[in-house]
Amino acid sequence: MLKAREEHEEQERGEFGKLLRYTLTGFAGGLLAATVLDHLGFQRSGLGQWLVRTLSGEGESVFEGFYALQARLRRAEASMAEAYWRGKFLGMTAPWVIDLTSRLLGVNVYGLEGFYIPFFYAMSDQIGANVSGLAFLRRKEGSWGRAFRHYLAHPVMLASWAIILAAPLGLFLARLLGFSPGTQVLTAAETIAANLCWLPPVVGWLSEKRSQGPKKDSA
């Protein structure tokens, strides 16, 4: 039993570091799409903003979702990293509905009142990751009490919760100070700045590196 657990923990090592590359790929894709759209004269295209924000704020979720699926097909036992990214993948469609509804209701998406739109593009998948991660812990621990205790002690989940709270405040202050995503490049920059999804994988990667240290020293 102990050996199986150790093998499972060994499989998890490096997953968050590997998935961090997907976040950077999403950022690059958003900036590239924004540059092309601006060059073609679609600086304020709503459809263009949807594409740029999806790539900049959620592009990594597509790659991460494929990774989670591939990892599950590779072995029967699920991991925390897979649950985290699977939740992100499932949560990425919510901002599309929020964005479209806001535009139909006449919300000024370029002004202060529209600050929440890039937040949901950047963070809805992160919210989904939290929910999925907590559900994974509930199944693993067997009770909500132990799941919450594990959740509050898990560095990736805590980092994820922290950025969900910090991102809307930063977006609101930026709009309050006069920032407006008047071009697609600015749209990408705003979404990337709010998309702190890279932070939990970094925390997970650093946590994995610390956990590997003593084992290497003792070998």
C-alpha atoms as a PDB file:
ATOM      1  CA  MET A   1       0.000   0.000   0.000  1.00  0.00           C
ATOM      2  CA  LEU A   2       2.801   2.359   0.948  1.00  0.00           C
ATOM      3  CA  LYS A   3       4.732   1.449  -2.178  1.00  0.00           C
ATOM      4  CA  ALA A   4       1.697   2.184  -4.381  1.00  0.00           C
ATOM      5  CA  ARG A   5       1.266   5.569  -2.726  1.00  0.00           C
ATOM      6  CA  GLU A   6       4.933   6.417  -3.249  1.00  0.00           C
ATOM      7  CA  GLU A   7       4.697   5.418  -6.905  1.00  0.00           C
ATOM      8  CA  HIS A   8       1.605   7.621  -7.317  1.00  0.00           C
ATOM      9  CA  GLU A   9       3.370  10.608  -5.715  1.00  0.00           C
ATOM     10  CA  GLU A  10       6.349  10.004  -8.007  1.00  0.00           C
ATOM     11  CA  GLN A  11       4.043  10.168 -11.030  1.00  0.00           C
ATOM     12  CA  GLU A  12       2.664  13.519  -9.858  1.00  0.00           C
ATOM     13  CA  ARG A  13       6.114  15.075  -9.611  1.00  0.00           C
ATOM     14  CA  GLY A  14       6.825  17.312 -12.558  1.00  0.00           C
ATOM     15  CA  GLU A  15       3.179  17.535 -13.733  1.00  0.00           C
ATOM     16  CA  PHE A  16       2.678  21.139 -12.677  1.00  0.00           C
ATOM     17  CA  GLY A  17       6.045  22.129 -14.118  1.00  0.00           C
ATOM     18  CA  LYS A  18       5.107  20.497 -17.416  1.00  0.00           C
ATOM     19  CA  LEU A  19       1.713  22.193 -17.511  1.00  0.00           C
ATOM     20  CA  LEU A  20       3.263  25.603 -16.858  1.00  0.00           C
ATOM     21  CA  ARG A  21       4.509  25.575 -20.457  1.00  0.00           C
ATOM     22  CA  TYR A  22       0.916  25.474 -21.675  1.00  0.00           C
ATOM     23  CA  THR A  23       0.187  28.777 -19.951  1.00  0.00           C
ATOM     24  CA  LEU A  24       3.060  30.480 -21.766  1.00  0.00           C
ATOM     25  CA  THR A  25       1.867  28.991 -25.051  1.00  0.00           C
ATOM     26  CA  GLY A  26      -1.574  30.519 -24.472  1.00  0.00           C
ATOM     27  CA  PHE A  27      -0.032  33.933 -23.778  1.00  0.00           C
ATOM     28  CA  ALA A  28       2.012  33.775 -26.976  1.00  0.00           C
ATOM     29  CA  GLY A  29      -1.031  32.731 -29.007  1.00  0.00           C
ATOM     30  CA  GLY A  30      -3.114  35.611 -27.647  1.00  0.00           C
ATOM     31  CA  LEU A  31      -0.458  38.215 -28.431  1.00  0.00           C
ATOM     32  CA  LEU A  32       0.088  36.828 -31.914  1.00  0.00           C
ATOM     33  CA  ALA A  33      -3.640  36.848 -32.711  1.00  0.00           C
ATOM     34  CA  ALA A  34      -3.974  40.376 -31.300  1.00  0.00           C
ATOM     35  CA  THR A  35      -1.102  41.686 -33.421  1.00  0.00           C
ATOM     36  CA  VAL A  36      -2.556  40.195 -36.596  1.00  0.00           C
ATOM     37  CA  LEU A  37      -6.062  41.523 -35.880  1.00  0.00           C
ATOM     38  CA  ASP A  38      -4.783  45.035 -35.151  1.00  0.00           C
ATOM     39  CA  HIS A  39      -2.749  44.966 -38.344  1.00  0.00           C
ATOM     40  CA  LEU A  40      -5.882  43.992 -40.299  1.00  0.00           C
ATOM     41  CA  GLY A  41      -7.892  46.839 -38.767  1.00  0.00           C
ATOM     42  CA  PHE A  42     -10.040  44.837 -36.313  1.00  0.00           C
ATOM     43  CA  GLN A  43      -8.927  46.735 -33.229  1.00  0.00           C
ATOM     44  CA  ARG A  44     -12.444  46.846 -31.705  1.00  0.00           C
ATOM     45  CA  SER A  45     -13.950  43.728 -33.190  1.00  0.00           C
ATOM     46  CA  GLY A  46     -16.052  41.928 -30.590  1.00  0.00           C
ATOM     47  CA  LEU A  47     -15.359  38.581 -32.210  1.00  0.00           C
ATOM     48  CA  GLY A  48     -11.678  39.443 -32.304  1.00  0.00           C
ATOM     49  CA  GLN A  49     -11.713  40.279 -28.604  1.00  0.00           C
ATOM     50  CA  TRP A  50     -13.372  36.960 -27.894  1.00  0.00           C
ATOM     51  CA  LEU A  51     -10.576  35.147 -29.728  1.00  0.00           C
ATOM     52  CA  VAL A  52      -7.779  37.179 -28.129  1.00  0.00           C
ATOM     53  CA  ARG A  53      -9.187  36.874 -24.621  1.00  0.00           C
ATOM     54  CA  THR A  54      -9.842  33.174 -25.038  1.00  0.00           C
ATOM     55  CA  LEU A  55      -6.265  32.518 -26.130  1.00  0.00           C
ATOM     56  CA  SER A  56      -4.701  34.891 -23.593  1.00  0.00           C
ATOM     57  CA  GLY A  57      -6.873  33.888 -20.653  1.00  0.00           C
ATOM     58  CA  GLU A  58      -7.834  30.318 -21.451  1.00  0.00           C
ATOM     59  CA  GLY A  59      -5.538  29.056 -24.184  1.00  0.00           C
ATOM     60  CA  GLU A  60      -3.628  27.030 -21.630  1.00  0.00           C
ATOM     61  CA  SER A  61      -6.840  25.331 -20.522  1.00  0.00           C
ATOM     62  CA  VAL A  62      -7.238  23.704 -23.936  1.00  0.00           C
ATOM     63  CA  PHE A  63      -3.739  22.205 -23.772  1.00  0.00           C
ATOM     64  CA  GLU A  64      -4.192  21.338 -20.104  1.00  0.00           C
ATOM     65  CA  GLY A  65      -7.489  19.618 -20.830  1.00  0.00           C
ATOM     66  CA  PHE A  66      -5.832  17.465 -23.476  1.00  0.00           C
ATOM     67  CA  TYR A  67      -3.032  16.721 -21.021  1.00  0.00           C
ATOM     68  CA  ALA A  68      -5.496  15.636 -18.312  1.00  0.00           C
ATOM     69  CA  LEU A  69      -7.290  13.369 -20.795  1.00  0.00           C
ATOM     70  CA  GLN A  70      -4.025  11.873 -21.988  1.00  0.00           C
ATOM     71  CA  ALA A  71      -2.856  11.304 -18.418  1.00  0.00           C
ATOM     72  CA  ARG A  72      -6.090   9.542 -17.471  1.00  0.00           C
ATOM     73  CA  LEU A  73      -5.840   7.273 -20.501  1.00  0.00           C
ATOM     74  CA  ARG A  74      -2.264   6.462 -19.549  1.00  0.00           C
ATOM     75  CA  ARG A  75      -3.152   5.199 -16.066  1.00  0.00           C
ATOM     76  CA  ALA A  76      -6.234   4.342 -14.013  1.00  0.00           C
ATOM     77  CA  GLU A  77      -5.460   6.421 -10.917  1.00  0.00           C
ATOM     78  CA  ALA A  78      -6.231  10.137 -11.063  1.00  0.00           C
ATOM     79  CA  SER A  79      -3.912  12.811  -9.673  1.00  0.00           C
ATOM     80  CA  MET A  80      -4.426  16.221  -8.105  1.00  0.00           C
ATOM     81  CA  ALA A  81      -2.822  17.919 -11.101  1.00  0.00           C
ATOM     82  CA  GLU A  82      -5.218  16.195 -13.492  1.00  0.00           C
ATOM     83  CA  ALA A  83      -8.246  17.173 -11.401  1.00  0.00           C
ATOM     84  CA  TYR A  84      -6.987  20.763 -11.277  1.00  0.00           C
ATOM     85  CA  TRP A  85      -6.591  21.082 -15.033  1.00  0.00           C
ATOM     86  CA  ARG A  86      -9.746  19.148 -15.841  1.00  0.00           C
ATOM     87  CA  GLY A  87     -11.690  21.707 -13.802  1.00  0.00           C
ATOM     88  CA  LYS A  88     -10.029  24.529 -15.715  1.00  0.00           C
ATOM     89  CA  PHE A  89     -10.986  22.970 -19.022  1.00  0.00           C
ATOM     90  CA  LEU A  90     -14.635  22.597 -17.969  1.00  0.00           C
ATOM     91  CA  GLY A  91     -14.831  26.175 -16.646  1.00  0.00           C
ATOM     92  CA  MET A  92     -13.541  27.941 -19.752  1.00  0.00           C
ATOM     93  CA  THR A  93     -16.916  28.428 -21.520  1.00  0.00           C
ATOM     94  CA  ALA A  94     -18.537  30.570 -18.817  1.00  0.00           C
ATOM     95  CA  PRO A  95     -16.912  33.891 -19.881  1.00  0.00           C
ATOM     96  CA  TRP A  96     -18.160  33.462 -23.440  1.00  0.00           C
ATOM     97  CA  VAL A  97     -21.737  33.627 -22.156  1.00  0.00           C
ATOM     98  CA  ILE A  98     -20.928  36.498 -19.775  1.00  0.00           C
ATOM     99  CA  ASP A  99     -19.206  38.505 -22.510  1.00  0.00           C
ATOM    100  CA  LEU A 100     -22.004  38.049 -25.046  1.00  0.00           C
ATOM    101  CA  THR A 101     -24.746  38.794 -22.509  1.00  0.00           C
ATOM    102  CA  SER A 102     -22.965  41.953 -21.363  1.00  0.00           C
ATOM    103  CA  ARG A 103     -22.669  43.266 -24.906  1.00  0.00           C
ATOM    104  CA  LEU A 104     -26.330  42.510 -25.634  1.00  0.00           C
ATOM    105  CA  LEU A 105     -27.304  44.397 -22.467  1.00  0.00           C
ATOM    106  CA  GLY A 106     -25.299  47.437 -23.601  1.00  0.00           C
ATOM    107  CA  VAL A 107     -22.467  47.250 -21.073  1.00  0.00           C
ATOM    108  CA  ASN A 108     -19.489  49.423 -22.023  1.00  0.00           C
ATOM    109  CA  VAL A 109     -16.904  46.668 -22.326  1.00  0.00           C
ATOM    110  CA  TYR A 110     -14.116  49.228 -22.747  1.00  0.00           C
ATOM    111  CA  GLY A 111     -14.945  51.253 -19.631  1.00  0.00           C
ATOM    112  CA  LEU A 112     -14.905  50.808 -15.879  1.00  0.00           C
ATOM    113  CA  GLU A 113     -18.209  48.935 -15.836  1.00  0.00           C
ATOM    114  CA  GLY A 114     -16.772  46.194 -18.038  1.00  0.00           C
ATOM    115  CA  PHE A 115     -13.797  45.351 -15.809  1.00  0.00           C
ATOM    116  CA  TYR A 116     -15.312  41.996 -14.854  1.00  0.00           C
ATOM    117  CA  ILE A 117     -15.244  40.613 -18.408  1.00  0.00           C
ATOM    118  CA  PRO A 118     -11.463  40.044 -18.633  1.00  0.00           C
ATOM    119  CA  PHE A 119     -11.618  38.735 -15.069  1.00  0.00           C
ATOM    120  CA  PHE A 120     -13.888  35.882 -16.071  1.00  0.00           C
ATOM    121  CA  TYR A 121     -11.818  35.121 -19.160  1.00  0.00           C
ATOM    122  CA  ALA A 122      -8.744  34.936 -16.972  1.00  0.00           C
ATOM    123  CA  MET A 123     -10.213  33.308 -13.867  1.00  0.00           C
ATOM    124  CA  SER A 124     -13.323  31.242 -14.659  1.00  0.00           C
ATOM    125  CA  ASP A 125     -11.159  28.256 -15.494  1.00  0.00           C
ATOM    126  CA  GLN A 126      -9.287  28.833 -12.244  1.00  0.00           C
ATOM    127  CA  ILE A 127     -12.575  28.764 -10.330  1.00  0.00           C
ATOM    128  CA  GLY A 128     -13.429  25.520 -12.088  1.00  0.00           C
ATOM    129  CA  ALA A 129     -10.015  24.171 -11.080  1.00  0.00           C
ATOM    130  CA  ASN A 130     -10.728  24.935  -7.436  1.00  0.00           C
ATOM    131  CA  VAL A 131     -14.093  23.201  -7.519  1.00  0.00           C
ATOM    132  CA  SER A 132     -12.654  20.180  -9.322  1.00  0.00           C
ATOM    133  CA  GLY A 133      -9.674  20.041  -6.965  1.00  0.00           C
ATOM    134  CA  LEU A 134     -11.927  20.106  -3.915  1.00  0.00           C
ATOM    135  CA  ALA A 135     -14.136  17.362  -5.377  1.00  0.00           C
ATOM    136  CA  PHE A 136     -11.007  15.275  -6.017  1.00  0.00           C
ATOM    137  CA  LEU A 137      -9.923  15.689  -2.401  1.00  0.00           C
ATOM    138  CA  ARG A 138     -13.405  14.706  -1.189  1.00  0.00           C
ATOM    139  CA  ARG A 139     -13.196  11.449  -3.128  1.00  0.00           C
ATOM    140  CA  LYS A 140      -9.631  10.827  -2.007  1.00  0.00           C
ATOM    141  CA  GLU A 141     -10.129  11.617   1.697  1.00  0.00           C
ATOM    142  CA  GLY A 142     -13.618  10.153   2.080  1.00  0.00           C
ATOM    143  CA  SER A 143     -15.164  13.100   3.948  1.00  0.00           C
ATOM    144  CA  TRP A 144     -15.662  16.831   3.462  1.00  0.00           C
ATOM    145  CA  GLY A 145     -13.915  17.609   6.754  1.00  0.00           C
ATOM    146  CA  ARG A 146     -10.675  15.887   5.780  1.00  0.00           C
ATOM    147  CA  ALA A 147     -11.020  17.234   2.244  1.00  0.00           C
ATOM    148  CA  PHE A 148     -11.202  20.849   3.463  1.00  0.00           C
ATOM    149  CA  ARG A 149      -8.242  20.317   5.788  1.00  0.00           C
ATOM    150  CA  HIS A 150      -6.216  18.900   2.904  1.00  0.00           C
ATOM    151  CA  TYR A 151      -7.452  21.703   0.638  1.00  0.00           C
ATOM    152  CA  LEU A 152      -6.308  24.399   3.070  1.00  0.00           C
ATOM    153  CA  ALA A 153      -2.906  22.716   3.344  1.00  0.00           C
ATOM    154  CA  HIS A 154      -2.412  22.272  -0.413  1.00  0.00           C
ATOM    155  CA  PRO A 155      -0.143  25.056  -1.792  1.00  0.00           C
ATOM    156  CA  VAL A 156      -1.585  24.968  -5.309  1.00  0.00           C
ATOM    157  CA  MET A 157      -5.177  25.308  -4.124  1.00  0.00           C
ATOM    158  CA  LEU A 158      -4.281  28.157  -1.762  1.00  0.00           C
ATOM    159  CA  ALA A 159      -2.388  30.003  -4.498  1.00  0.00           C
ATOM    160  CA  SER A 160      -5.333  29.508  -6.843  1.00  0.00           C
ATOM    161  CA  TRP A 161      -7.771  30.957  -4.308  1.00  0.00           C
ATOM    162  CA  ALA A 162      -5.483  33.949  -3.678  1.00  0.00           C
ATOM    163  CA  ILE A 163      -5.282  34.952  -7.334  1.00  0.00           C
ATOM    164  CA  ILE A 164      -9.058  34.592  -7.776  1.00  0.00           C
ATOM    165  CA  LEU A 165      -9.449  37.288  -5.118  1.00  0.00           C
ATOM    166  CA  ALA A 166      -6.589  39.500  -6.346  1.00  0.00           C
ATOM    167  CA  ALA A 167      -7.336  39.594 -10.085  1.00  0.00           C
ATOM    168  CA  PRO A 168     -10.655  41.529 -10.040  1.00  0.00           C
ATOM    169  CA  LEU A 169      -9.215  44.170  -7.729  1.00  0.00           C
ATOM    170  CA  GLY A 170      -6.288  44.768 -10.069  1.00  0.00           C
ATOM    171  CA  LEU A 171      -8.556  44.991 -13.114  1.00  0.00           C
ATOM    172  CA  PHE A 172     -10.923  47.396 -11.390  1.00  0.00           C
ATOM    173  CA  LEU A 173      -8.087  49.690 -10.309  1.00  0.00           C
ATOM    174  CA  ALA A 174      -6.558  49.688 -13.797  1.00  0.00           C
ATOM    175  CA  ARG A 175      -9.877  50.693 -15.389  1.00  0.00           C
ATOM    176  CA  LEU A 176     -10.454  53.252 -12.648  1.00  0.00           C
ATOM    177  CA  LEU A 177      -7.109  54.842 -13.509  1.00  0.00           C
ATOM    178  CA  GLY A 178      -8.158  55.172 -17.136  1.00  0.00           C
ATOM    179  CA  PHE A 179      -6.950  52.012 -18.831  1.00  0.00           C
ATOM    180  CA  SER A 180      -9.111  50.896 -21.744  1.00  0.00           C
ATOM    181  CA  PRO A 181      -8.520  47.897 -24.050  1.00  0.00           C
ATOM    182  CA  GLY A 182      -8.970  49.959 -27.216  1.00  0.00           C
ATOM    183  CA  THR A 183      -6.863  47.637 -29.367  1.00  0.00           C
ATOM    184  CA  GLN A 184      -6.516  43.899 -29.535  1.00  0.00           C
ATOM    185  CA  VAL A 185      -2.942  44.064 -28.243  1.00  0.00           C
ATOM    186  CA  LEU A 186      -4.163  46.006 -25.195  1.00  0.00           C
ATOM    187  CA  THR A 187      -6.940  43.448 -24.809  1.00  0.00           C
ATOM    188  CA  ALA A 188      -4.354  40.674 -24.794  1.00  0.00           C
ATOM    189  CA  ALA A 189      -2.127  42.587 -22.359  1.00  0.00           C
ATOM    190  CA  GLU A 190      -5.005  43.182 -19.944  1.00  0.00           C
ATOM    191  CA  THR A 191      -6.089  39.550 -20.036  1.00  0.00           C
ATOM    192  CA  ILE A 192      -2.549  38.238 -19.640  1.00  0.00           C
ATOM    193  CA  ALA A 193      -1.970  40.558 -16.670  1.00  0.00           C
ATOM    194  CA  ALA A 194      -5.145  39.243 -15.030  1.00  0.00           C
ATOM    195  CA  ASN A 195      -4.382  35.646 -15.949  1.00  0.00           C
ATOM    196  CA  LEU A 196      -2.306  34.677 -12.955  1.00  0.00           C
ATOM    197  CA  CYS A 197      -2.977  31.014 -13.651  1.00  0.00           C
ATOM    198  CA  TRP A 198       0.759  30.509 -14.030  1.00  0.00           C
ATOM    199  CA  LEU A 199       1.218  31.133 -10.301  1.00  0.00           C
ATOM    200  CA  PRO A 200      -0.390  27.912  -8.949  1.00  0.00           C
ATOM    201  CA  PRO A 201       1.696  25.729 -11.317  1.00  0.00           C
ATOM    202  CA  VAL A 202       4.822  27.570 -10.160  1.00  0.00           C
ATOM    203  CA  VAL A 203       3.837  26.955  -6.542  1.00  0.00           C
ATOM    204  CA  GLY A 204       3.192  23.295  -7.381  1.00  0.00           C
ATOM    205  CA  TRP A 205       6.517  23.005  -9.189  1.00  0.00           C
ATOM    206  CA  LEU A 206       8.430  24.578  -6.285  1.00  0.00           C
ATOM    207  CA  SER A 207       6.603  22.307  -3.850  1.00  0.00           C
ATOM    208  CA  GLU A 208       7.587  19.281  -5.933  1.00  0.00           C
ATOM    209  CA  LYS A 209      11.216  20.417  -6.040  1.00  0.00           C
ATOM    210  CA  ARG A 210      11.274  20.759  -2.248  1.00  0.00           C
ATOM    211  CA  SER A 211       9.737  17.318  -1.803  1.00  0.00           C
ATOM    212  CA  GLN A 212      12.342  15.793  -4.121  1.00  0.00           C
ATOM    213  CA  GLY A 213      15.272  17.347  -2.291  1.00  0.00           C
ATOM    214  CA  PRO A 214      15.455  15.128   0.813  1.00  0.00           C
ATOM    215  CA  LYS A 215      15.067  11.954  -1.259  1.00  0.00           C
ATOM    216  CA  LYS A 216      17.962  12.896  -3.507  1.00  0.00           C
ATOM    217  CA  ASP A 217      20.160  13.799  -0.517  1.00  0.00           C
ATOM    218  CA  SER A 218      19.462  10.520   1.187  1.00  0.00           C
ATOM    219  CA  ALA A 219      20.194   8.446  -1.916  1.00  0.00           C
END
